[in-house]
C-alpha atoms as a PDB file:
ATOM      1  CA  MET A   1     -31.424   2.580  10.864  1.00  0.00           C
ATOM      2  CA  ARG A   2     -30.211   5.671  11.079  1.00  0.00           C
ATOM      3  CA  GLY A   3     -29.058   7.108   7.985  1.00  0.00           C
ATOM      4  CA  LYS A   4     -28.816   3.442   6.201  1.00  0.00           C
ATOM      5  CA  PRO A   5     -29.559   3.143   2.338  1.00  0.00           C
ATOM      6  CA  SER A   6     -32.303   0.784   0.930  1.00  0.00           C
ATOM      7  CA  LEU A   7     -34.572   0.721  -1.832  1.00  0.00           C
ATOM      8  CA  LYS A   8     -38.359   0.723  -0.998  1.00  0.00           C
ATOM      9  CA  ALA A   9     -39.980  -2.707  -1.390  1.00  0.00           C
ATOM     10  CA  GLU A  10     -43.626  -4.024  -1.026  1.00  0.00           C
ATOM     11  CA  SER A  11     -42.946  -6.215   2.318  1.00  0.00           C
ATOM     12  CA  PRO A  12     -39.746  -5.895   4.918  1.00  0.00           C
ATOM     13  CA  GLU A  13     -38.149  -9.260   3.358  1.00  0.00           C
ATOM     14  CA  GLN A  14     -37.565  -7.831   0.028  1.00  0.00           C
ATOM     15  CA  ILE A  15     -35.608  -4.380   1.046  1.00  0.00           C
ATOM     16  CA  ILE A  16     -32.156  -4.012  -0.773  1.00  0.00           C
ATOM     17  CA  GLN A  17     -29.778  -2.837   1.140  1.00  0.00           C
ATOM     18  CA  PHE A  18     -26.690  -1.029  -0.055  1.00  0.00           C
ATOM     19  CA  ASN A  19     -23.402   0.621   0.364  1.00  0.00           C
ATOM     20  CA  LEU A  20     -20.590   2.336  -1.682  1.00  0.00           C
ATOM     21  CA  THR A  21     -17.452   3.042  -0.565  1.00  0.00           C
ATOM     22  CA  HIS A  22     -14.520   4.434  -2.761  1.00  0.00           C
ATOM     23  CA  SER A  23     -10.461   5.235  -2.205  1.00  0.00           C
ATOM     24  CA  GLN A  24      -8.142   6.870  -4.866  1.00  0.00           C
ATOM     25  CA  ASP A  25      -8.875   4.493  -7.624  1.00  0.00           C
ATOM     26  CA  MET A  26     -10.488   2.115  -5.941  1.00  0.00           C
ATOM     27  CA  VAL A  27     -14.744   1.785  -5.776  1.00  0.00           C
ATOM     28  CA  VAL A  28     -16.731  -1.000  -4.073  1.00  0.00           C
ATOM     29  CA  TYR A  29     -20.212  -1.714  -4.437  1.00  0.00           C
ATOM     30  CA  ALA A  30     -22.541  -4.255  -2.505  1.00  0.00           C
ATOM     31  CA  PHE A  31     -25.735  -5.028  -2.145  1.00  0.00           C
ATOM     32  CA  SER A  32     -27.814  -6.813  -0.003  1.00  0.00           C
ATOM     33  CA  ARG A  33     -31.633  -8.322   0.058  1.00  0.00           C
ATOM     34  CA  ASN A  34     -33.094  -8.169   3.705  1.00  0.00           C
ATOM     35  CA  ARG A  35     -29.499  -8.220   5.146  1.00  0.00           C
ATOM     36  CA  ARG A  36     -27.486  -5.421   7.196  1.00  0.00           C
ATOM     37  CA  LEU A  37     -24.102  -4.194   4.841  1.00  0.00           C
ATOM     38  CA  GLY A  38     -21.430  -2.254   5.828  1.00  0.00           C
ATOM     39  CA  ILE A  39     -18.172  -2.173   3.496  1.00  0.00           C
ATOM     40  CA  ASP A  40     -14.958   0.052   3.385  1.00  0.00           C
ATOM     41  CA  VAL A  41     -11.889   0.108   1.631  1.00  0.00           C
ATOM     42  CA  GLU A  42      -9.254   2.838   1.854  1.00  0.00           C
ATOM     43  CA  GLN A  43      -5.534   3.445   0.354  1.00  0.00           C
ATOM     44  CA  ILE A  44      -2.945   3.237   3.122  1.00  0.00           C
ATOM     45  CA  ARG A  45      -1.093   6.075   2.625  1.00  0.00           C
ATOM     46  CA  GLN A  46       1.125   7.615   5.159  1.00  0.00           C
ATOM     47  CA  LEU A  47      -0.567   9.959   7.656  1.00  0.00           C
ATOM     48  CA  SER A  48       1.808  12.574   9.705  1.00  0.00           C
ATOM     49  CA  ASN A  49      -0.850  12.398  12.084  1.00  0.00           C
ATOM     50  CA  LEU A  50      -2.023   9.101  12.141  1.00  0.00           C
ATOM     51  CA  GLU A  51      -1.550   8.768  16.229  1.00  0.00           C
ATOM     52  CA  ARG A  52      -3.635  11.654  17.070  1.00  0.00           C
ATOM     53  CA  ILE A  53      -6.451  10.420  14.800  1.00  0.00           C
ATOM     54  CA  ALA A  54      -5.995   6.925  16.643  1.00  0.00           C
ATOM     55  CA  GLU A  55      -6.413   9.178  19.533  1.00  0.00           C
ATOM     56  CA  GLN A  56      -9.551  10.324  18.644  1.00  0.00           C
ATOM     57  CA  TYR A  57     -11.379   7.777  17.828  1.00  0.00           C
ATOM     58  CA  PHE A  58      -9.492   4.215  18.435  1.00  0.00           C
ATOM     59  CA  SER A  59      -9.906   2.563  21.623  1.00  0.00           C
ATOM     60  CA  PRO A  60      -6.756   2.664  24.571  1.00  0.00           C
ATOM     61  CA  LEU A  61      -6.069  -1.023  23.622  1.00  0.00           C
ATOM     62  CA  GLU A  62      -6.398  -0.121  20.066  1.00  0.00           C
ATOM     63  CA  ILE A  63      -3.798   3.251  20.389  1.00  0.00           C
ATOM     64  CA  SER A  64      -1.756   0.861  22.624  1.00  0.00           C
ATOM     65  CA  TYR A  65      -1.447  -1.718  20.387  1.00  0.00           C
ATOM     66  CA  ILE A  66      -0.972   0.606  17.613  1.00  0.00           C
ATOM     67  CA  ARG A  67       1.623   2.539  19.809  1.00  0.00           C
ATOM     68  CA  GLY A  68       3.905  -0.724  20.338  1.00  0.00           C
ATOM     69  CA  LEU A  69       4.130  -1.935  16.742  1.00  0.00           C
ATOM     70  CA  PRO A  70       7.455  -1.301  14.907  1.00  0.00           C
ATOM     71  CA  GLU A  71       7.119   2.248  13.019  1.00  0.00           C
ATOM     72  CA  ASP A  72       6.946   0.588   9.903  1.00  0.00           C
ATOM     73  CA  GLU A  73       3.863  -1.288  10.698  1.00  0.00           C
ATOM     74  CA  LYS A  74       2.122   1.159  12.048  1.00  0.00           C
ATOM     75  CA  THR A  75       0.397   2.380   8.928  1.00  0.00           C
ATOM     76  CA  ARG A  76      -0.805  -0.501   7.477  1.00  0.00           C
ATOM     77  CA  ALA A  77      -2.551  -1.404  10.781  1.00  0.00           C
ATOM     78  CA  PHE A  78      -3.887   1.690  11.281  1.00  0.00           C
ATOM     79  CA  PHE A  79      -5.820   1.718   8.272  1.00  0.00           C
ATOM     80  CA  THR A  80      -6.963  -2.294   9.067  1.00  0.00           C
ATOM     81  CA  LEU A  81      -8.426  -1.099  12.627  1.00  0.00           C
ATOM     82  CA  TRP A  82     -10.327   2.505  10.815  1.00  0.00           C
ATOM     83  CA  THR A  83     -11.270   0.214   7.742  1.00  0.00           C
ATOM     84  CA  CYS A  84     -13.220  -2.415  10.274  1.00  0.00           C
ATOM     85  CA  LYS A  85     -14.739   0.262  12.153  1.00  0.00           C
ATOM     86  CA  GLU A  86     -16.078   1.954   9.335  1.00  0.00           C
ATOM     87  CA  ALA A  87     -17.999  -1.101   7.698  1.00  0.00           C
ATOM     88  CA  CYS A  88     -18.925  -1.910  10.829  1.00  0.00           C
ATOM     89  CA  LEU A  89     -20.724   1.874  11.426  1.00  0.00           C
ATOM     90  CA  LYS A  90     -22.193   1.550   8.230  1.00  0.00           C
ATOM     91  CA  ALA A  91     -23.717  -1.603   8.299  1.00  0.00           C
ATOM     92  CA  THR A  92     -25.691  -0.354  11.289  1.00  0.00           C
ATOM     93  CA  GLY A  93     -25.904   3.213   9.388  1.00  0.00           C
ATOM     94  CA  ASP A  94     -23.886   5.498  11.722  1.00  0.00           C
ATOM     95  CA  GLY A  95     -20.741   6.230  10.569  1.00  0.00           C
ATOM     96  CA  LEU A  96     -17.249   7.848  11.885  1.00  0.00           C
ATOM     97  CA  ALA A  97     -18.541  11.563  11.249  1.00  0.00           C
ATOM     98  CA  THR A  98     -20.977  10.873  13.994  1.00  0.00           C
ATOM     99  CA  ARG A  99     -18.648  10.008  16.353  1.00  0.00           C
ATOM    100  CA  SER A 100     -17.623  12.340  18.956  1.00  0.00           C
ATOM    101  CA  THR A 101     -15.906  10.496  21.250  1.00  0.00           C
ATOM    102  CA  ARG A 102     -13.864   7.142  21.500  1.00  0.00           C
ATOM    103  CA  TRP A 103     -15.451   3.826  20.753  1.00  0.00           C
ATOM    104  CA  LYS A 104     -14.899   1.136  23.341  1.00  0.00           C
ATOM    105  CA  SER A 105     -13.673  -2.070  21.952  1.00  0.00           C
ATOM    106  CA  PRO A 106     -16.052  -4.957  22.785  1.00  0.00           C
END
């Protein structure tokens, strides 16, 4: 795994993985033994460039989904998708910053 934090152990079964996330005044720590772990938390806030960010990091299907929503639902949907993606990438040891191309939906 790339960049995945863990604590050394005598055997692979005893490896403790951990993850940290924070946003504004929220913080979450998570620990697991011998399991991949990824967490993320984001404060939902207005973004003036929401669709441009989505175009850079979301799949065409996800972009279409967000564009098809009423204006008052777009921000929550964006942060829901963003948070899920970030948590999954953290579980694998990857991250949004290392992605230069758009993700493909499964």
